[in-house]
Amino acid sequence: MQKINLAAAIAGSKRENGLAEIARLNDARVKVGRFKGRFAWHSHAHEDELFLVVRGRLNLQFRDRDVILEAGEMLVVPAGVEHRSSATEADVVVIHPSTTILPPSPTD
């Protein structure tokens, strides 16, 4: 058990658009990353996914609307909901079950 500095963890992540696992919470993974560009449309059939913006602005796109998250805001995407993220640059915490398969890279 040790404290984690989110800014340092994000700064230490290896590359843009990749997530680095920084903790586990029961069967969930807590990951951080720097989002840049637009990801592919996808959904997770059985898992919810939480997005928390630490710095910047993240656009979560759904087929019927967009939701803009500013620093300090979060959103849980329910299982089965098709979505993609888009950002000029945003530092983000993502929490999801260990079984979640994430898209590999931006589509831009």
C-alpha atoms as a PDB file:
ATOM      1  CA  MET A   1       0.000   0.000   0.000  1.00  0.00           C
ATOM      2  CA  GLN A   2       1.477   3.303  -1.097  1.00  0.00           C
ATOM      3  CA  LYS A   3       0.202   6.659  -2.241  1.00  0.00           C
ATOM      4  CA  ILE A   4       0.183   7.501  -5.931  1.00  0.00           C
ATOM      5  CA  ASN A   5       0.724  10.941  -7.429  1.00  0.00           C
ATOM      6  CA  LEU A   6      -1.472  11.070 -10.545  1.00  0.00           C
ATOM      7  CA  ALA A   7       0.522  13.816 -12.288  1.00  0.00           C
ATOM      8  CA  ALA A   8       3.766  11.893 -11.815  1.00  0.00           C
ATOM      9  CA  ALA A   9       2.172   8.631 -12.950  1.00  0.00           C
ATOM     10  CA  ILE A  10       0.838  10.268 -16.104  1.00  0.00           C
ATOM     11  CA  ALA A  11       4.159  12.003 -16.795  1.00  0.00           C
ATOM     12  CA  GLY A  12       5.917   8.663 -16.355  1.00  0.00           C
ATOM     13  CA  SER A  13       3.678   6.779 -18.761  1.00  0.00           C
ATOM     14  CA  LYS A  14       5.670   5.559 -21.740  1.00  0.00           C
ATOM     15  CA  ARG A  15       3.731   7.015 -24.661  1.00  0.00           C
ATOM     16  CA  GLU A  16       0.736   9.036 -25.707  1.00  0.00           C
ATOM     17  CA  ASN A  17      -2.497   7.113 -26.216  1.00  0.00           C
ATOM     18  CA  GLY A  18      -1.333   4.213 -24.113  1.00  0.00           C
ATOM     19  CA  LEU A  19      -2.660   3.414 -20.680  1.00  0.00           C
ATOM     20  CA  ALA A  20      -0.400   2.480 -17.795  1.00  0.00           C
ATOM     21  CA  GLU A  21      -1.864   0.475 -14.926  1.00  0.00           C
ATOM     22  CA  ILE A  22      -1.146   2.214 -11.621  1.00  0.00           C
ATOM     23  CA  ALA A  23      -3.348   0.225  -9.222  1.00  0.00           C
ATOM     24  CA  ARG A  24      -5.839  -2.591  -8.841  1.00  0.00           C
ATOM     25  CA  LEU A  25      -9.106  -2.292  -6.982  1.00  0.00           C
ATOM     26  CA  ASN A  26     -10.753  -5.665  -6.406  1.00  0.00           C
ATOM     27  CA  ASP A  27     -11.168  -6.947  -9.980  1.00  0.00           C
ATOM     28  CA  ALA A  28     -10.782  -3.488 -11.526  1.00  0.00           C
ATOM     29  CA  ARG A  29      -7.762  -1.868 -13.128  1.00  0.00           C
ATOM     30  CA  VAL A  30      -6.918   1.779 -12.496  1.00  0.00           C
ATOM     31  CA  LYS A  31      -4.999   3.205 -15.443  1.00  0.00           C
ATOM     32  CA  VAL A  32      -3.652   6.596 -16.488  1.00  0.00           C
ATOM     33  CA  GLY A  33      -2.745   8.003 -19.851  1.00  0.00           C
ATOM     34  CA  ARG A  34      -2.402  10.997 -22.083  1.00  0.00           C
ATOM     35  CA  PHE A  35      -5.114  10.934 -24.741  1.00  0.00           C
ATOM     36  CA  LYS A  36      -4.472  12.604 -28.081  1.00  0.00           C
ATOM     37  CA  GLY A  37      -6.479  12.077 -31.273  1.00  0.00           C
ATOM     38  CA  ARG A  38      -9.616  10.054 -31.847  1.00  0.00           C
ATOM     39  CA  PHE A  39     -10.101   6.392 -30.979  1.00  0.00           C
ATOM     40  CA  ALA A  40     -12.140   3.820 -32.876  1.00  0.00           C
ATOM     41  CA  TRP A  41     -15.815   3.242 -32.131  1.00  0.00           C
ATOM     42  CA  HIS A  42     -16.171   0.349 -29.716  1.00  0.00           C
ATOM     43  CA  SER A  43     -18.212  -1.027 -26.837  1.00  0.00           C
ATOM     44  CA  HIS A  44     -17.675  -3.416 -23.967  1.00  0.00           C
ATOM     45  CA  ALA A  45     -20.468  -5.969 -23.850  1.00  0.00           C
ATOM     46  CA  HIS A  46     -20.302  -6.726 -20.124  1.00  0.00           C
ATOM     47  CA  GLU A  47     -18.185  -4.000 -18.523  1.00  0.00           C
ATOM     48  CA  ASP A  48     -18.713  -0.387 -17.488  1.00  0.00           C
ATOM     49  CA  GLU A  49     -15.816   2.034 -18.024  1.00  0.00           C
ATOM     50  CA  LEU A  50     -15.050   5.156 -15.980  1.00  0.00           C
ATOM     51  CA  PHE A  51     -13.242   8.187 -17.445  1.00  0.00           C
ATOM     52  CA  LEU A  52     -11.890  10.895 -15.094  1.00  0.00           C
ATOM     53  CA  VAL A  53     -10.143  13.896 -16.656  1.00  0.00           C
ATOM     54  CA  VAL A  54      -7.187  15.185 -14.650  1.00  0.00           C
ATOM     55  CA  ARG A  55      -5.975  17.802 -17.160  1.00  0.00           C
ATOM     56  CA  GLY A  56      -7.279  19.053 -20.487  1.00  0.00           C
ATOM     57  CA  ARG A  57     -10.573  18.256 -22.174  1.00  0.00           C
ATOM     58  CA  LEU A  58     -11.912  14.887 -23.336  1.00  0.00           C
ATOM     59  CA  ASN A  59     -14.773  14.501 -25.789  1.00  0.00           C
ATOM     60  CA  LEU A  60     -16.624  11.222 -25.268  1.00  0.00           C
ATOM     61  CA  GLN A  61     -18.640  10.584 -28.395  1.00  0.00           C
ATOM     62  CA  PHE A  62     -21.738   8.435 -28.520  1.00  0.00           C
ATOM     63  CA  ARG A  63     -23.851   7.682 -31.572  1.00  0.00           C
ATOM     64  CA  ASP A  64     -26.544  10.123 -30.375  1.00  0.00           C
ATOM     65  CA  ARG A  65     -24.498  12.836 -28.620  1.00  0.00           C
ATOM     66  CA  ASP A  66     -21.134  14.077 -27.397  1.00  0.00           C
ATOM     67  CA  VAL A  67     -20.183  14.677 -23.760  1.00  0.00           C
ATOM     68  CA  ILE A  68     -17.303  17.055 -23.060  1.00  0.00           C
ATOM     69  CA  LEU A  69     -15.383  16.336 -19.862  1.00  0.00           C
ATOM     70  CA  GLU A  70     -13.214  19.084 -18.376  1.00  0.00           C
ATOM     71  CA  ALA A  71     -10.527  18.611 -15.722  1.00  0.00           C
ATOM     72  CA  GLY A  72     -12.133  17.315 -12.534  1.00  0.00           C
ATOM     73  CA  GLU A  73     -15.110  15.760 -14.327  1.00  0.00           C
ATOM     74  CA  MET A  74     -15.881  12.092 -14.893  1.00  0.00           C
ATOM     75  CA  LEU A  75     -18.356   9.872 -16.664  1.00  0.00           C
ATOM     76  CA  VAL A  76     -19.194   6.181 -16.460  1.00  0.00           C
ATOM     77  CA  VAL A  77     -19.952   4.591 -19.834  1.00  0.00           C
ATOM     78  CA  PRO A  78     -22.352   1.692 -19.210  1.00  0.00           C
ATOM     79  CA  ALA A  79     -21.722  -1.759 -20.617  1.00  0.00           C
ATOM     80  CA  GLY A  80     -22.860  -2.187 -24.195  1.00  0.00           C
ATOM     81  CA  VAL A  81     -22.835   1.525 -25.087  1.00  0.00           C
ATOM     82  CA  GLU A  82     -20.860   2.258 -28.237  1.00  0.00           C
ATOM     83  CA  HIS A  83     -18.398   5.125 -27.736  1.00  0.00           C
ATOM     84  CA  ARG A  84     -15.089   6.642 -28.677  1.00  0.00           C
ATOM     85  CA  SER A  85     -12.902   9.327 -27.177  1.00  0.00           C
ATOM     86  CA  SER A  86     -11.377  12.337 -28.850  1.00  0.00           C
ATOM     87  CA  ALA A  87      -8.941  14.887 -27.435  1.00  0.00           C
ATOM     88  CA  THR A  88      -6.422  17.468 -28.504  1.00  0.00           C
ATOM     89  CA  GLU A  89      -4.579  16.394 -25.372  1.00  0.00           C
ATOM     90  CA  ALA A  90      -5.988  15.198 -22.058  1.00  0.00           C
ATOM     91  CA  ASP A  91      -4.583  13.414 -19.022  1.00  0.00           C
ATOM     92  CA  VAL A  92      -7.132  10.787 -18.013  1.00  0.00           C
ATOM     93  CA  VAL A  93      -7.713   8.133 -15.361  1.00  0.00           C
ATOM     94  CA  VAL A  94      -9.615   5.089 -16.670  1.00  0.00           C
ATOM     95  CA  ILE A  95     -11.096   2.442 -14.384  1.00  0.00           C
ATOM     96  CA  HIS A  96     -12.509  -0.788 -15.767  1.00  0.00           C
ATOM     97  CA  PRO A  97     -12.715  -4.503 -14.951  1.00  0.00           C
ATOM     98  CA  SER A  98      -9.662  -6.602 -15.745  1.00  0.00           C
ATOM     99  CA  THR A  99     -11.625  -8.369 -18.495  1.00  0.00           C
ATOM    100  CA  THR A 100     -12.099  -5.158 -20.530  1.00  0.00           C
ATOM    101  CA  ILE A 101     -10.399  -5.106 -23.932  1.00  0.00           C
ATOM    102  CA  LEU A 102      -9.450  -1.588 -25.010  1.00  0.00           C
ATOM    103  CA  PRO A 103      -8.962  -0.271 -28.545  1.00  0.00           C
ATOM    104  CA  PRO A 104      -5.265  -0.310 -29.538  1.00  0.00           C
ATOM    105  CA  SER A 105      -4.749   3.203 -30.917  1.00  0.00           C
ATOM    106  CA  PRO A 106      -6.326   6.365 -32.327  1.00  0.00           C
ATOM    107  CA  THR A 107      -7.936   6.231 -35.753  1.00  0.00           C
ATOM    108  CA  ASP A 108      -6.693   9.654 -36.906  1.00  0.00           C
END
